[in-house]
Every structure is written in C-alpha cells, then in structure tokens.
Amino acid sequence: MLTTPPLALYVHFPWCVQKCPYCDFNSHALHGELPADRYISALLSDLDAQAATVAGRPLVSVFFGGGTPSLFSPDSLANLISAIHERFKVEDPVELTLEANPGTIERGRFAEYRAAGVSRVSLGAQTFAASKLAVLGRIHGPDDTRRAATELHAAGLDNFNLDLMYGLPDQTVAEAVADVEAALALEPAHLSHYQLTLEPGTVFAAHPPSLPTEEICDDILAACQSRFAAAGFARYEVSAYARAGRACQHNLNYWQFGDYLGLGAGAHGKLTDPARDVIERTRQPRDPRRYLKADPAGMVTETVPRAERPFEFMLNALRCVTGFDAKLFEARTGLACDDIAPTLESLVARGLLMRELGPQIPARWRPSERGFRFLNEVLLDFLSSDRKISSDVGRSAVL
C-alpha cells in the first residue's frame, strides 16, 4: 500500500561565473549583473504555490544547489530561508545544505551563511591539481579550496562535503590518491567521489580530452576507496563517503524514494498522493528567463505510470550500499514485492544483487560489488516493456 514518505525541498540557482566543459547540469554562464532580487522574488511565488499543494507536511531537509548558489548574498538567502520557515514546519535541527564554489566565496561569508540558517556546505573542489582545474574550466585554484575549508571550520560549519572527481584527463592513480590525501587534510565530514564522464551536449563530448582507460579508473577507485576507509569514511552510496552520523540526509531521502519539492529554473520534484494512488513528477522551465517570467503554472506535472514505479524506485534505492527491503519498496511504490520477485531472483543468480535474510530481519536486497560496477545493467532489468523497446538503441547509454 502506498504511504506518504518524508518531504524535502530542493532549490535551484542556475547561474555560474562560467560553464564548465564537462557540465550537463542546468547551469548558465552569468552575463551581466546577477538578477538576485528578481530571482528570490520568483522563488517566493513558487514556494507559495507549492506549499499549498502539500497540506502542511513538514520538511526533513533543504538543499540549495546549482549552478552556484554562493553567488547569492547571505542576505538574499536569509530572506528565502525565513520564508521557508514561515510556510513550512521544518525539522529542528534541519540539514540545510548550500553548494558553494571555492572561487565565489568572499572572506567571512560562511559565518554569515551559517547565521542565515545554513547548516551544511558542499564545496566543489573537484581536484587539487592546478593544471587539471584549468582543463576542467574551473575558476578556482587549490589554495581557494584550502582557504574555504579553513573558513568553514572557523564559522562552525564543520559538517561540509568536498566534491572530488577522478578519471580526469591523463590522470594517474598516484595523482588521484594525492587529491584524496589533500581533501582528507582539510577534515571534511563527507566526501563525494565521481568519475568524470563525457555527457552529451557538453564541450567535452564534442571535443573529448584524453581520459584514463577503464582499467586505470578501476585502479584509481580501488586505491581511493582504501584510503577513504582507512581515514574513517564509510561508503554509503555509489559515490558518497561519510564519517559516522554525517551522511547527507537530503540525498538519502532521494535514494529512499522520498518526496521533494523542486523550486527554481529547471528544478525537478516528486510527490506521492496515497489517497489517489498516484506518484507525480514535476519540472520547472529550464531557461532562467522563462522561469522569471512564468507564474507558478509554468511547472509541468506528470504521473509516473504504475508499470514504471519499480524502475523509478530502483534508480534511487540501488545507489545505496544498504539497498532496500520489501517493506520500503511496497510503501514507496504501492506495489507488492512479489511483483518483482522474478527479476530480483534473476539478478541474485547473476551475482549482481545480494539477498540478505535473517531470522528476525525482513528480506533485503543490495548491489554486490559487481552490481555497483554494472548498475546501469541492473536497472535496465526493471524497465517496463515499453521503455525497454525504446532503449534498445544502446543499453549502456540509457542512464
């Protein structure tokens, strides 16, 4: 039976100083003055409209992503945070994350962001090699990241994440491990570790750099994971590692197929209505100019067909090291776990999933190490027949 999951809030800030050549997110190079007041005003109108649709449900987390939210002043974000608290019951304390670019932070700003209500920061370090930052089109240098981390600690924001990328152009195992060592020296609470991929529509896709082989990337990942574990960082998601108690609650809500409102240009949302047995996806206009001109009716809402709920659930749940149990699947999809039993059994038999069962523990499935390596292949098994037909153009490129 479908039940109401926890509700989070995602707010998208679409502007960056410049567009990175690998980035396929909805981000736009800033030309001219940042329309901060107009954008916050549009977010407030959007917030009013969406708050009315969730009947006073409390928020378990808030995430300001981008783009580069740290282009906006602490005062601008303070006004938005205050409005969120006025319109919602917000858990206390709440995890409120701000994504920040080390190159867009003025000295002292982190203390002001904390005073505004930010409790967690995600810092886009990517690498500590200056030459590779230049290739990636980043506007900051290694010392900017170090200064930002120092200021985070000084501001009392020790719950911060560092984003790292690996598989960078011509990167060696030693260089990747050096990045991890440099990141650990800054004493973050959380590390995200992503492989650089060539996404369609990006500059790198049109003009591919020389990337390490898959064998080298496998060696990089193994070496870095060993270093994370030795430093006390537990892997809890495909690309996420955290100290005890510091897993990102906002992302965990995504991975457990929770609900979330999406505010801002290009933002996506998901809402569950058990009374109607409906799960809906929402999306906002991608172009910031359109978003600024649109009224709340500019948001598009689409129902997730029942046949696609297993894939939608697994797309999230199978990113987690702990996987999922039958109770969570049934509560978040409204479907019986027996409906997908043949697929689960097939994946277990092929060594892609592991089934855990104890005397007082409900059955739980999680990806094996091999399953994590071939997660796209695992997910494709849960596609509905119609979507499988449409994806025949290339199995490994679907996700």
Protein backbone atom coordinates (compact mmCIF):
# COMPACT_ATOMS: atom_id res chain seq x y z
CA MET A 1 0.00 0.00 0.00
CA LEU A 2 1.32 3.42 -0.99
CA THR A 3 2.18 5.61 2.02
CA THR A 4 3.30 9.22 2.41
CA PRO A 5 7.12 9.44 2.54
CA PRO A 6 9.24 12.21 4.09
CA LEU A 7 9.29 15.54 2.22
CA ALA A 8 12.40 17.57 1.34
CA LEU A 9 12.91 20.84 -0.55
CA TYR A 10 15.37 21.44 -3.40
CA VAL A 11 16.03 25.00 -4.62
CA HIS A 12 17.99 25.50 -7.85
CA PHE A 13 20.20 28.52 -8.55
CA PRO A 14 21.06 28.30 -12.26
CA TRP A 15 23.92 30.77 -12.75
CA CYS A 16 27.69 30.19 -12.73
CA VAL A 17 30.56 32.55 -13.46
CA GLN A 18 31.29 30.34 -16.47
CA LYS A 19 30.10 26.99 -17.81
CA CYS A 20 32.47 24.08 -17.21
CA PRO A 21 33.14 21.97 -20.34
CA TYR A 22 32.08 18.70 -18.64
CA CYS A 23 28.88 20.00 -17.03
CA ASP A 24 25.45 18.89 -18.26
CA PHE A 25 23.52 20.38 -15.32
CA ASN A 26 21.05 23.19 -15.87
CA SER A 27 23.62 25.94 -15.34
CA HIS A 28 24.14 29.11 -17.31
CA ALA A 29 27.13 31.44 -17.56
CA LEU A 30 26.31 34.76 -15.95
CA HIS A 31 26.37 37.67 -18.39
CA GLY A 32 25.92 40.99 -16.68
CA GLU A 33 24.51 41.58 -13.23
CA LEU A 34 23.03 38.72 -11.20
CA PRO A 35 19.22 39.24 -11.01
CA ALA A 36 19.25 38.27 -7.35
CA ASP A 37 16.19 40.20 -6.14
CA ARG A 38 14.05 39.14 -9.10
CA TYR A 39 15.04 35.51 -8.74
CA ILE A 40 14.39 35.39 -4.98
CA SER A 41 11.00 37.01 -5.63
CA ALA A 42 10.19 34.33 -8.24
CA LEU A 43 11.27 31.61 -5.81
CA LEU A 44 8.97 33.03 -3.14
CA SER A 45 5.99 32.97 -5.52
CA ASP A 46 6.89 29.41 -6.49
CA LEU A 47 7.23 28.48 -2.81
CA ASP A 48 3.77 29.85 -2.02
CA ALA A 49 2.18 27.87 -4.83
CA GLN A 50 3.86 24.59 -3.95
CA ALA A 51 3.41 24.89 -0.19
CA ALA A 52 -0.33 24.94 -0.80
CA THR A 53 -0.16 21.54 -2.52
CA VAL A 54 1.46 19.60 0.33
CA ALA A 55 -1.05 20.37 3.11
CA GLY A 56 1.39 21.39 5.81
CA ARG A 57 3.71 18.38 5.50
CA PRO A 58 6.98 19.01 7.40
CA LEU A 59 10.31 19.38 5.65
CA VAL A 60 13.09 16.98 6.66
CA SER A 61 15.86 18.72 4.69
CA VAL A 62 16.57 21.67 2.39
CA PHE A 63 19.20 21.81 -0.36
CA PHE A 64 20.35 24.89 -2.29
CA GLY A 65 22.01 23.57 -5.46
CA GLY A 66 23.14 24.86 -8.79
CA GLY A 67 24.68 26.36 -10.69
CA THR A 68 26.37 28.34 -7.96
CA PRO A 69 24.10 29.34 -5.05
CA SER A 70 27.05 31.03 -3.36
CA LEU A 71 26.79 33.80 -5.97
CA PHE A 72 23.80 34.97 -3.93
CA SER A 73 24.47 37.09 -0.87
CA PRO A 74 23.83 35.83 2.66
CA ASP A 75 21.06 38.43 3.00
CA SER A 76 19.28 37.10 -0.12
CA LEU A 77 19.42 33.54 1.14
CA ALA A 78 18.41 34.62 4.65
CA ASN A 79 15.20 36.09 3.21
CA LEU A 80 14.47 32.85 1.38
CA ILE A 81 15.24 30.69 4.42
CA SER A 82 12.99 32.83 6.60
CA ALA A 83 10.16 32.42 4.07
CA ILE A 84 10.64 28.63 4.07
CA HIS A 85 10.27 28.56 7.85
CA GLU A 86 7.16 30.72 7.65
CA ARG A 87 5.44 28.42 5.17
CA PHE A 88 6.53 25.01 6.47
CA LYS A 89 7.03 23.14 9.66
CA VAL A 90 10.78 22.49 9.43
CA GLU A 91 12.50 19.81 11.48
CA ASP A 92 14.75 21.20 14.20
CA PRO A 93 17.63 20.94 13.67
CA VAL A 94 17.28 20.74 9.90
CA GLU A 95 20.01 19.86 7.43
CA LEU A 96 20.14 22.90 5.13
CA THR A 97 22.88 22.44 2.53
CA LEU A 98 24.43 25.17 0.40
CA GLU A 99 26.52 24.25 -2.64
CA ALA A 100 29.47 26.60 -2.98
CA ASN A 101 32.27 27.21 -5.47
CA PRO A 102 35.59 27.98 -3.73
CA GLY A 103 36.13 30.75 -6.28
CA THR A 104 32.95 32.66 -5.40
CA ILE A 105 33.30 32.91 -1.62
CA GLU A 106 34.37 36.21 -0.08
CA ARG A 107 36.15 36.12 3.24
CA GLY A 108 33.72 35.88 6.14
CA ARG A 109 30.71 34.85 4.09
CA PHE A 110 30.43 31.36 5.56
CA ALA A 111 29.80 32.81 9.01
CA GLU A 112 27.01 34.91 7.50
CA TYR A 113 25.53 31.92 5.69
CA ARG A 114 25.52 30.00 8.95
CA ALA A 115 23.77 32.90 10.70
CA ALA A 116 21.16 32.82 7.91
CA GLY A 117 20.39 29.17 8.66
CA VAL A 118 22.81 27.12 6.53
CA SER A 119 23.97 24.07 8.50
CA ARG A 120 25.91 22.13 5.84
CA VAL A 121 28.04 23.15 2.84
CA SER A 122 29.04 21.19 -0.26
CA LEU A 123 32.23 22.60 -1.72
CA GLY A 124 33.10 21.92 -5.36
CA ALA A 125 36.82 21.16 -5.05
CA GLN A 126 36.96 18.61 -7.94
CA THR A 127 40.78 18.29 -7.78
CA PHE A 128 43.79 19.86 -6.08
CA ALA A 129 45.92 19.78 -9.22
CA ALA A 130 46.04 23.31 -10.65
CA SER A 131 46.71 22.12 -14.20
CA LYS A 132 43.70 19.82 -14.15
CA LEU A 133 41.45 22.52 -12.67
CA ALA A 134 42.38 24.64 -15.69
CA VAL A 135 41.48 21.80 -18.09
CA LEU A 136 38.17 21.37 -16.28
CA GLY A 137 37.39 25.06 -16.75
CA ARG A 138 37.18 25.75 -13.00
CA ILE A 139 37.56 29.34 -11.84
CA HIS A 140 39.27 28.45 -8.55
CA GLY A 141 42.69 27.15 -7.60
CA PRO A 142 43.74 24.58 -4.96
CA ASP A 143 44.51 27.29 -2.41
CA ASP A 144 40.97 28.69 -2.78
CA THR A 145 39.59 25.34 -1.65
CA ARG A 146 42.00 25.23 1.30
CA ARG A 147 41.03 28.77 2.36
CA ALA A 148 37.33 27.95 2.04
CA ALA A 149 37.73 24.84 4.23
CA THR A 150 39.60 26.87 6.85
CA GLU A 151 36.81 29.44 6.89
CA LEU A 152 34.15 26.72 7.13
CA HIS A 153 35.79 25.37 10.28
CA ALA A 154 36.15 28.90 11.67
CA ALA A 155 32.45 29.53 11.04
CA GLY A 156 31.47 26.36 12.90
CA LEU A 157 30.34 24.66 9.67
CA ASP A 158 32.42 21.53 10.12
CA ASN A 159 29.65 19.43 8.52
CA PHE A 160 30.86 20.04 4.99
CA ASN A 161 31.33 17.93 1.88
CA LEU A 162 34.11 18.10 -0.68
CA ASP A 163 33.28 17.09 -4.25
CA LEU A 164 36.14 15.25 -5.94
CA MET A 165 36.33 13.93 -9.49
CA TYR A 166 38.54 11.13 -10.74
CA GLY A 167 39.33 9.75 -14.17
CA LEU A 168 40.43 13.26 -15.15
CA PRO A 169 42.34 13.85 -18.41
CA ASP A 170 45.58 11.83 -18.30
CA GLN A 171 45.22 11.30 -14.54
CA THR A 172 47.32 8.62 -12.89
CA VAL A 173 46.50 6.54 -9.82
CA ALA A 174 49.09 8.47 -7.81
CA GLU A 175 47.55 11.81 -8.81
CA ALA A 176 44.06 10.68 -7.84
CA VAL A 177 45.24 9.43 -4.46
CA ALA A 178 47.07 12.74 -3.93
CA ASP A 179 43.72 14.51 -4.43
CA VAL A 180 42.14 12.30 -1.75
CA GLU A 181 45.03 12.98 0.65
CA ALA A 182 44.70 16.73 0.07
CA ALA A 183 40.96 16.55 0.70
CA LEU A 184 41.33 14.49 3.89
CA ALA A 185 43.84 17.03 5.22
CA LEU A 186 41.03 19.61 5.27
CA GLU A 187 38.97 17.45 7.67
CA PRO A 188 35.62 17.36 5.86
CA ALA A 189 32.71 15.35 7.25
CA HIS A 190 31.73 13.96 3.85
CA LEU A 191 33.36 13.25 0.50
CA SER A 192 31.72 12.77 -2.89
CA HIS A 193 33.90 10.93 -5.41
CA TYR A 194 32.66 10.93 -9.02
CA GLN A 195 34.20 9.62 -12.20
CA LEU A 196 34.39 12.19 -15.00
CA THR A 197 32.11 11.10 -17.83
CA LEU A 198 31.54 12.67 -21.23
CA GLU A 199 27.91 13.79 -21.16
CA PRO A 200 26.00 14.50 -24.39
CA GLY A 201 25.71 18.18 -25.25
CA THR A 202 28.82 19.25 -23.34
CA VAL A 203 32.02 20.75 -24.74
CA PHE A 204 33.96 17.66 -23.64
CA ALA A 205 31.56 15.43 -25.59
CA ALA A 206 32.18 17.44 -28.75
CA HIS A 207 35.94 17.69 -28.13
CA PRO A 208 36.90 14.71 -25.95
CA PRO A 209 40.03 15.03 -23.82
CA SER A 210 42.40 12.12 -23.31
CA LEU A 211 40.88 10.16 -20.44
CA PRO A 212 42.40 7.26 -18.50
CA THR A 213 41.41 3.75 -19.53
CA GLU A 214 38.70 1.91 -17.62
CA GLU A 215 41.40 -0.31 -16.13
CA ILE A 216 43.22 2.73 -14.74
CA CYS A 217 39.94 4.15 -13.44
CA ASP A 218 39.22 0.85 -11.68
CA ASP A 219 42.67 1.01 -10.07
CA ILE A 220 42.06 4.64 -9.05
CA LEU A 221 38.73 3.78 -7.45
CA ALA A 222 40.16 0.82 -5.53
CA ALA A 223 43.11 2.85 -4.23
CA CYS A 224 40.93 5.81 -3.23
CA GLN A 225 38.31 3.64 -1.54
CA SER A 226 41.02 2.01 0.53
CA ARG A 227 42.23 5.44 1.63
CA PHE A 228 38.69 6.60 2.48
CA ALA A 229 38.13 3.53 4.66
CA ALA A 230 41.46 3.96 6.45
CA ALA A 231 40.50 7.57 7.26
CA GLY A 232 37.17 6.53 8.79
CA PHE A 233 34.88 7.37 5.87
CA ALA A 234 32.22 4.72 5.24
CA ARG A 235 30.80 4.32 1.75
CA TYR A 236 27.02 4.57 1.96
CA GLU A 237 26.14 5.34 -1.66
CA VAL A 238 27.75 4.70 -5.06
CA SER A 239 29.80 7.91 -4.94
CA ALA A 240 29.42 9.10 -1.33
CA TYR A 241 31.56 8.54 1.77
CA ALA A 242 30.92 9.96 5.23
CA ARG A 243 32.15 9.99 8.79
CA ALA A 244 29.79 8.39 11.32
CA GLY A 245 26.50 10.29 11.50
CA ARG A 246 27.38 12.64 8.64
CA ALA A 247 25.66 11.00 5.66
CA CYS A 248 23.72 13.59 3.64
CA GLN A 249 20.12 13.31 4.83
CA HIS A 250 18.78 15.15 1.80
CA ASN A 251 20.37 12.69 -0.61
CA LEU A 252 19.29 9.72 1.50
CA ASN A 253 15.72 10.91 1.09
CA TYR A 254 16.22 10.79 -2.70
CA TRP A 255 17.78 7.32 -2.56
CA GLN A 256 14.92 6.01 -0.41
CA PHE A 257 12.39 7.31 -2.95
CA GLY A 258 11.16 10.08 -0.68
CA ASP A 259 9.24 13.14 -1.83
CA TYR A 260 10.70 16.55 -2.60
CA LEU A 261 9.55 19.90 -3.92
CA GLY A 262 11.61 21.44 -6.73
CA LEU A 263 11.93 25.24 -6.82
CA GLY A 264 13.85 27.27 -9.35
CA ALA A 265 14.72 27.12 -13.04
CA GLY A 266 14.92 23.52 -14.23
CA ALA A 267 14.23 22.03 -10.80
CA HIS A 268 12.50 18.65 -10.57
CA GLY A 269 10.21 17.39 -7.83
CA LYS A 270 8.37 14.23 -6.78
CA LEU A 271 5.15 13.98 -4.80
CA THR A 272 3.15 10.99 -3.55
CA ASP A 273 -0.63 11.01 -3.03
CA PRO A 274 -1.71 7.76 -1.35
CA ALA A 275 -5.41 8.74 -1.43
CA ARG A 276 -5.32 8.76 -5.25
CA ASP A 277 -2.64 6.04 -5.51
CA VAL A 278 -0.54 8.49 -7.55
CA ILE A 279 3.13 9.38 -7.76
CA GLU A 280 3.86 12.55 -9.72
CA ARG A 281 6.99 14.15 -11.12
CA THR A 282 7.22 17.92 -11.54
CA ARG A 283 9.64 20.03 -13.56
CA GLN A 284 10.17 23.74 -13.88
CA PRO A 285 11.08 25.72 -17.03
CA ARG A 286 14.82 25.25 -17.64
CA ASP A 287 15.62 28.68 -19.03
CA PRO A 288 16.07 31.19 -16.16
CA ARG A 289 14.47 33.90 -18.29
CA ARG A 290 11.36 31.78 -18.77
CA TYR A 291 11.27 30.91 -15.09
CA LEU A 292 11.45 34.59 -14.12
CA LYS A 293 8.55 35.37 -16.43
CA ALA A 294 6.38 32.35 -15.59
CA ASP A 295 3.71 32.21 -12.96
CA PRO A 296 3.54 29.00 -10.91
CA ALA A 297 1.54 27.41 -13.75
CA GLY A 298 4.82 27.17 -15.67
CA MET A 299 5.59 23.98 -13.76
CA VAL A 300 4.75 20.73 -15.59
CA THR A 301 3.33 17.76 -13.66
CA GLU A 302 3.38 14.18 -14.97
CA THR A 303 2.12 10.98 -13.38
CA VAL A 304 4.55 8.07 -13.04
CA PRO A 305 2.78 5.02 -14.58
CA ARG A 306 2.43 2.07 -12.20
CA ALA A 307 4.46 -0.08 -14.59
CA GLU A 308 7.40 2.34 -14.25
CA ARG A 309 7.39 2.59 -10.46
CA PRO A 310 9.79 -0.35 -9.95
CA PHE A 311 12.39 1.25 -12.24
CA GLU A 312 11.92 4.69 -10.65
CA PHE A 313 12.35 3.17 -7.18
CA MET A 314 15.41 1.10 -8.10
CA LEU A 315 17.04 4.03 -9.91
CA ASN A 316 17.32 5.55 -6.44
CA ALA A 317 17.40 2.71 -3.90
CA LEU A 318 20.10 0.66 -5.61
CA ARG A 319 22.56 3.53 -5.30
CA CYS A 320 22.70 2.83 -1.56
CA VAL A 321 25.15 0.32 -0.11
CA THR A 322 22.40 -0.99 2.20
CA GLY A 323 19.90 -1.43 -0.64
CA PHE A 324 16.24 -1.83 0.30
CA ASP A 325 13.80 -4.20 1.94
CA ALA A 326 10.36 -5.36 0.84
CA LYS A 327 8.59 -3.05 3.30
CA LEU A 328 10.23 0.08 1.87
CA PHE A 329 9.55 -0.99 -1.73
CA GLU A 330 5.86 -1.60 -1.03
CA ALA A 331 5.39 1.60 0.99
CA ARG A 332 7.09 3.84 -1.58
CA THR A 333 5.66 2.25 -4.76
CA GLY A 334 2.30 0.86 -3.65
CA LEU A 335 3.21 -2.42 -5.36
CA ALA A 336 3.76 -5.90 -3.95
CA CYS A 337 7.37 -7.03 -3.76
CA ASP A 338 6.18 -10.32 -5.23
CA ASP A 339 5.57 -8.42 -8.48
CA ILE A 340 9.32 -8.02 -9.00
CA ALA A 341 10.41 -11.30 -7.37
CA PRO A 342 11.44 -12.97 -10.67
CA THR A 343 13.65 -10.01 -11.58
CA LEU A 344 15.25 -9.95 -8.13
CA GLU A 345 15.90 -13.69 -8.25
CA SER A 346 17.48 -13.38 -11.71
CA LEU A 347 19.81 -10.60 -10.57
CA VAL A 348 20.82 -12.56 -7.47
CA ALA A 349 21.55 -15.61 -9.62
CA ARG A 350 23.73 -13.49 -11.91
CA GLY A 351 25.72 -12.14 -8.97
CA LEU A 352 24.53 -8.55 -9.42
CA LEU A 353 22.35 -8.35 -6.29
CA MET A 354 22.79 -9.88 -2.85
CA ARG A 355 19.82 -11.10 -0.81
CA GLU A 356 20.13 -10.90 2.95
CA LEU A 357 17.71 -12.69 5.25
CA GLY A 358 17.95 -13.24 8.99
CA PRO A 359 15.61 -14.89 11.50
CA GLN A 360 14.08 -11.57 12.58
CA ILE A 361 15.08 -9.40 9.63
CA PRO A 362 12.92 -8.87 6.53
CA ALA A 363 14.46 -9.77 3.20
CA ARG A 364 16.83 -7.07 1.95
CA TRP A 365 18.48 -6.70 -1.43
CA ARG A 366 21.59 -4.70 -2.18
CA PRO A 367 24.02 -4.47 -5.08
CA SER A 368 27.09 -6.70 -4.99
CA GLU A 369 30.44 -5.11 -5.82
CA ARG A 370 29.90 -6.37 -9.36
CA GLY A 371 26.40 -4.93 -9.30
CA PHE A 372 27.74 -1.49 -8.41
CA ARG A 373 30.14 -1.68 -11.35
CA PHE A 374 27.32 -2.59 -13.73
CA LEU A 375 24.49 -0.69 -12.05
CA ASN A 376 23.02 0.51 -15.35
CA GLU A 377 22.62 -3.09 -16.46
CA VAL A 378 20.89 -3.94 -13.18
CA LEU A 379 18.48 -1.03 -13.51
CA LEU A 380 17.53 -1.91 -17.07
CA ASP A 381 16.04 -5.17 -15.82
CA PHE A 382 13.36 -3.14 -14.04
CA LEU A 383 12.27 -1.15 -17.09
CA SER A 384 8.74 -1.69 -18.29
CA SER A 385 8.36 -3.44 -21.64
CA ASP A 386 7.55 -0.18 -23.46
CA ARG A 387 10.64 1.56 -22.10
CA LYS A 388 12.84 -1.44 -22.87
CA ILE A 389 11.78 -1.24 -26.51
CA SER A 390 12.59 2.48 -26.65
CA SER A 391 16.00 1.89 -25.05
CA ASP A 392 17.24 -0.74 -27.49
CA VAL A 393 19.48 1.87 -29.15
CA GLY A 394 22.15 1.22 -26.54
CA ARG A 395 21.86 -0.46 -23.17
CA SER A 396 24.91 1.07 -21.56
CA ALA A 397 23.99 4.60 -22.68
CA VAL A 398 20.45 4.74 -21.33
CA LEU A 399 21.23 6.16 -17.91
